[in-house]
């Protein structure tokens, strides 16, 4: 049996106005949500809280998404700007789930492969999402 924490899923960011799909390990998302749940709101963004942080990250990511749409050659693992973008997408999704009860939207592996076939392989280091029993996905 596969360890769910080592499997990747494709995070659909369209509900936030972001066209990119981000691969992530489930253990990453779990840790982030746990941190949000276990810390006081005033700890975040110099006391402005999680809702402020959510909107700040969302606006920043929408701009970055447009940048990477125009500069696909820079969307690769190891490019600090791309790595930060991917990490922040995970943060935003976890924060949206925690603060606003937004669903974390995942793409079906087949849909991911069909829709992102032209994405540079370096953007994900060749990793692909897996189906994980019990987790809802978009097709």
C-alpha atoms as a PDB file:
ATOM      1  CA  UNK A   1       0.000   0.000   0.000  1.00  0.00           C
ATOM      2  CA  UNK A   2       1.292   3.446  -0.946  1.00  0.00           C
ATOM      3  CA  UNK A   3       1.978   6.082   1.688  1.00  0.00           C
ATOM      4  CA  UNK A   4      -0.487   8.927   1.013  1.00  0.00           C
ATOM      5  CA  UNK A   5       2.007  11.504   2.326  1.00  0.00           C
ATOM      6  CA  UNK A   6       4.414  10.599  -0.468  1.00  0.00           C
ATOM      7  CA  UNK A   7       1.820  10.864  -3.257  1.00  0.00           C
ATOM      8  CA  UNK A   8       1.369  13.984  -5.327  1.00  0.00           C
ATOM      9  CA  UNK A   9      -1.880  15.664  -6.254  1.00  0.00           C
ATOM     10  CA  UNK A  10      -2.545  18.435  -8.732  1.00  0.00           C
ATOM     11  CA  UNK A  11      -3.945  21.515  -7.041  1.00  0.00           C
ATOM     12  CA  UNK A  12      -6.446  23.399  -9.201  1.00  0.00           C
ATOM     13  CA  UNK A  13      -6.174  27.124  -8.468  1.00  0.00           C
ATOM     14  CA  UNK A  14      -8.953  28.379 -10.776  1.00  0.00           C
ATOM     15  CA  UNK A  15     -11.308  29.226  -7.908  1.00  0.00           C
ATOM     16  CA  UNK A  16      -8.777  31.927  -7.010  1.00  0.00           C
ATOM     17  CA  UNK A  17      -8.382  33.255 -10.551  1.00  0.00           C
ATOM     18  CA  UNK A  18      -5.079  31.446 -11.086  1.00  0.00           C
ATOM     19  CA  UNK A  19      -4.662  29.286 -14.179  1.00  0.00           C
ATOM     20  CA  UNK A  20      -1.699  27.215 -13.014  1.00  0.00           C
ATOM     21  CA  UNK A  21      -2.060  23.766 -11.490  1.00  0.00           C
ATOM     22  CA  UNK A  22       0.453  22.974  -8.775  1.00  0.00           C
ATOM     23  CA  UNK A  23       1.733  19.565  -7.730  1.00  0.00           C
ATOM     24  CA  UNK A  24       2.120  19.047  -4.003  1.00  0.00           C
ATOM     25  CA  UNK A  25       2.654  16.298  -1.442  1.00  0.00           C
ATOM     26  CA  UNK A  26      -0.243  15.751   0.932  1.00  0.00           C
ATOM     27  CA  UNK A  27       2.027  15.925   3.949  1.00  0.00           C
ATOM     28  CA  UNK A  28       2.857  19.556   3.011  1.00  0.00           C
ATOM     29  CA  UNK A  29      -0.786  20.620   2.904  1.00  0.00           C
ATOM     30  CA  UNK A  30      -1.611  18.807   6.153  1.00  0.00           C
ATOM     31  CA  UNK A  31       1.221  20.576   8.015  1.00  0.00           C
ATOM     32  CA  UNK A  32       0.149  23.999   6.772  1.00  0.00           C
ATOM     33  CA  UNK A  33      -3.511  23.527   7.697  1.00  0.00           C
ATOM     34  CA  UNK A  34      -2.492  22.238  11.109  1.00  0.00           C
ATOM     35  CA  UNK A  35      -0.345  25.336  11.651  1.00  0.00           C
ATOM     36  CA  UNK A  36      -3.216  27.650  10.682  1.00  0.00           C
ATOM     37  CA  UNK A  37      -5.584  25.783  13.014  1.00  0.00           C
ATOM     38  CA  UNK A  38      -3.204  25.813  15.961  1.00  0.00           C
ATOM     39  CA  UNK A  39      -2.147  29.472  15.899  1.00  0.00           C
ATOM     40  CA  UNK A  40      -3.974  32.606  16.910  1.00  0.00           C
ATOM     41  CA  UNK A  41      -5.129  34.945  14.169  1.00  0.00           C
ATOM     42  CA  UNK A  42      -3.076  37.853  15.540  1.00  0.00           C
ATOM     43  CA  UNK A  43       0.164  35.976  14.854  1.00  0.00           C
ATOM     44  CA  UNK A  44      -0.271  36.456  11.101  1.00  0.00           C
ATOM     45  CA  UNK A  45       0.748  39.520   9.028  1.00  0.00           C
ATOM     46  CA  UNK A  46       1.800  41.680  11.969  1.00  0.00           C
ATOM     47  CA  UNK A  47      -1.544  41.251  13.697  1.00  0.00           C
ATOM     48  CA  UNK A  48      -3.691  41.834  10.603  1.00  0.00           C
ATOM     49  CA  UNK A  49      -4.715  38.198  10.616  1.00  0.00           C
ATOM     50  CA  UNK A  50      -5.356  35.301   8.301  1.00  0.00           C
ATOM     51  CA  UNK A  51      -8.071  36.951   6.197  1.00  0.00           C
ATOM     52  CA  UNK A  52      -5.756  39.840   5.362  1.00  0.00           C
ATOM     53  CA  UNK A  53      -3.002  37.354   4.558  1.00  0.00           C
ATOM     54  CA  UNK A  54      -5.366  35.371   2.315  1.00  0.00           C
ATOM     55  CA  UNK A  55      -6.207  38.413   0.177  1.00  0.00           C
ATOM     56  CA  UNK A  56      -2.602  39.608   0.106  1.00  0.00           C
ATOM     57  CA  UNK A  57      -1.321  36.223  -1.123  1.00  0.00           C
ATOM     58  CA  UNK A  58      -4.180  35.844  -3.607  1.00  0.00           C
ATOM     59  CA  UNK A  59      -3.469  39.211  -5.255  1.00  0.00           C
ATOM     60  CA  UNK A  60       0.253  38.498  -5.392  1.00  0.00           C
ATOM     61  CA  UNK A  61      -0.317  35.059  -6.935  1.00  0.00           C
ATOM     62  CA  UNK A  62      -2.658  36.374  -9.630  1.00  0.00           C
ATOM     63  CA  UNK A  63       0.129  38.703 -10.789  1.00  0.00           C
ATOM     64  CA  UNK A  64       2.705  35.923 -10.659  1.00  0.00           C
ATOM     65  CA  UNK A  65       0.405  33.592 -12.606  1.00  0.00           C
ATOM     66  CA  UNK A  66       0.197  36.169 -15.413  1.00  0.00           C
ATOM     67  CA  UNK A  67       3.974  36.463 -15.358  1.00  0.00           C
ATOM     68  CA  UNK A  68       4.453  32.703 -15.747  1.00  0.00           C
ATOM     69  CA  UNK A  69       1.806  32.567 -18.493  1.00  0.00           C
ATOM     70  CA  UNK A  70       4.081  34.904 -20.460  1.00  0.00           C
ATOM     71  CA  UNK A  71       7.373  33.365 -19.302  1.00  0.00           C
ATOM     72  CA  UNK A  72       6.752  29.610 -19.360  1.00  0.00           C
ATOM     73  CA  UNK A  73      10.484  29.034 -19.810  1.00  0.00           C
ATOM     74  CA  UNK A  74      10.952  30.269 -16.228  1.00  0.00           C
ATOM     75  CA  UNK A  75       8.477  27.799 -14.700  1.00  0.00           C
ATOM     76  CA  UNK A  76      10.888  25.151 -13.485  1.00  0.00           C
ATOM     77  CA  UNK A  77      11.913  23.538 -10.216  1.00  0.00           C
ATOM     78  CA  UNK A  78      14.983  25.337  -8.958  1.00  0.00           C
ATOM     79  CA  UNK A  79      13.901  28.785 -10.161  1.00  0.00           C
ATOM     80  CA  UNK A  80      13.293  30.520  -6.842  1.00  0.00           C
ATOM     81  CA  UNK A  81      10.475  32.637  -8.244  1.00  0.00           C
ATOM     82  CA  UNK A  82       8.615  29.532  -9.533  1.00  0.00           C
ATOM     83  CA  UNK A  83       9.298  27.604  -6.324  1.00  0.00           C
ATOM     84  CA  UNK A  84       7.902  30.511  -4.264  1.00  0.00           C
ATOM     85  CA  UNK A  85       4.852  30.708  -6.525  1.00  0.00           C
ATOM     86  CA  UNK A  86       4.123  26.999  -6.058  1.00  0.00           C
ATOM     87  CA  UNK A  87       4.605  27.193  -2.282  1.00  0.00           C
ATOM     88  CA  UNK A  88       2.373  30.233  -2.019  1.00  0.00           C
ATOM     89  CA  UNK A  89      -0.369  28.482  -4.019  1.00  0.00           C
ATOM     90  CA  UNK A  90      -0.331  25.705  -1.428  1.00  0.00           C
ATOM     91  CA  UNK A  91      -0.449  28.299   1.373  1.00  0.00           C
ATOM     92  CA  UNK A  92      -3.390  30.073  -0.258  1.00  0.00           C
ATOM     93  CA  UNK A  93      -5.389  26.876  -0.754  1.00  0.00           C
ATOM     94  CA  UNK A  94      -4.783  25.759   2.812  1.00  0.00           C
ATOM     95  CA  UNK A  95      -5.674  29.221   4.115  1.00  0.00           C
ATOM     96  CA  UNK A  96      -8.832  29.333   1.981  1.00  0.00           C
ATOM     97  CA  UNK A  97      -9.867  25.966   3.399  1.00  0.00           C
ATOM     98  CA  UNK A  98      -9.153  27.080   6.967  1.00  0.00           C
ATOM     99  CA  UNK A  99     -10.598  30.606   6.917  1.00  0.00           C
ATOM    100  CA  UNK A 100     -13.416  30.357   4.362  1.00  0.00           C
ATOM    101  CA  UNK A 101     -14.142  26.604   4.262  1.00  0.00           C
ATOM    102  CA  UNK A 102     -13.173  26.562   0.573  1.00  0.00           C
ATOM    103  CA  UNK A 103     -12.652  23.122  -0.865  1.00  0.00           C
ATOM    104  CA  UNK A 104      -9.148  22.209  -1.876  1.00  0.00           C
ATOM    105  CA  UNK A 105      -9.717  21.439  -5.541  1.00  0.00           C
ATOM    106  CA  UNK A 106      -7.687  18.672  -7.114  1.00  0.00           C
ATOM    107  CA  UNK A 107      -7.433  17.655 -10.754  1.00  0.00           C
ATOM    108  CA  UNK A 108      -7.832  14.084 -11.924  1.00  0.00           C
ATOM    109  CA  UNK A 109      -4.444  12.780 -13.127  1.00  0.00           C
ATOM    110  CA  UNK A 110      -5.815  12.224 -16.630  1.00  0.00           C
ATOM    111  CA  UNK A 111      -7.214  15.770 -16.804  1.00  0.00           C
ATOM    112  CA  UNK A 112      -3.905  17.103 -15.528  1.00  0.00           C
ATOM    113  CA  UNK A 113      -1.985  15.282 -18.230  1.00  0.00           C
ATOM    114  CA  UNK A 114      -4.418  16.350 -20.977  1.00  0.00           C
ATOM    115  CA  UNK A 115      -4.657  19.992 -19.927  1.00  0.00           C
ATOM    116  CA  UNK A 116      -1.051  20.586 -19.014  1.00  0.00           C
ATOM    117  CA  UNK A 117       0.626  18.538 -21.721  1.00  0.00           C
ATOM    118  CA  UNK A 118       2.421  21.639 -23.002  1.00  0.00           C
ATOM    119  CA  UNK A 119       3.750  22.587 -19.574  1.00  0.00           C
ATOM    120  CA  UNK A 120       7.490  22.334 -19.240  1.00  0.00           C
ATOM    121  CA  UNK A 121       8.483  19.018 -17.648  1.00  0.00           C
ATOM    122  CA  UNK A 122      10.948  20.970 -15.515  1.00  0.00           C
ATOM    123  CA  UNK A 123       8.034  22.727 -13.791  1.00  0.00           C
ATOM    124  CA  UNK A 124       7.269  19.523 -11.868  1.00  0.00           C
ATOM    125  CA  UNK A 125      10.540  17.596 -12.117  1.00  0.00           C
ATOM    126  CA  UNK A 126       8.600  14.983 -14.091  1.00  0.00           C
ATOM    127  CA  UNK A 127       6.237  14.190 -11.207  1.00  0.00           C
ATOM    128  CA  UNK A 128       2.597  13.419 -11.953  1.00  0.00           C
ATOM    129  CA  UNK A 129      -0.451  13.341  -9.692  1.00  0.00           C
ATOM    130  CA  UNK A 130      -1.922  10.122  -8.328  1.00  0.00           C
ATOM    131  CA  UNK A 131      -5.472   9.051  -7.633  1.00  0.00           C
ATOM    132  CA  UNK A 132      -6.022   8.802  -3.903  1.00  0.00           C
ATOM    133  CA  UNK A 133      -9.026   6.930  -2.617  1.00  0.00           C
ATOM    134  CA  UNK A 134     -11.505   9.101  -0.738  1.00  0.00           C
ATOM    135  CA  UNK A 135     -10.276  12.466  -2.046  1.00  0.00           C
ATOM    136  CA  UNK A 136     -12.598  14.362  -4.383  1.00  0.00           C
ATOM    137  CA  UNK A 137     -11.155  15.443  -7.704  1.00  0.00           C
ATOM    138  CA  UNK A 138     -12.235  17.467 -10.734  1.00  0.00           C
ATOM    139  CA  UNK A 139     -12.291  15.817 -14.107  1.00  0.00           C
END
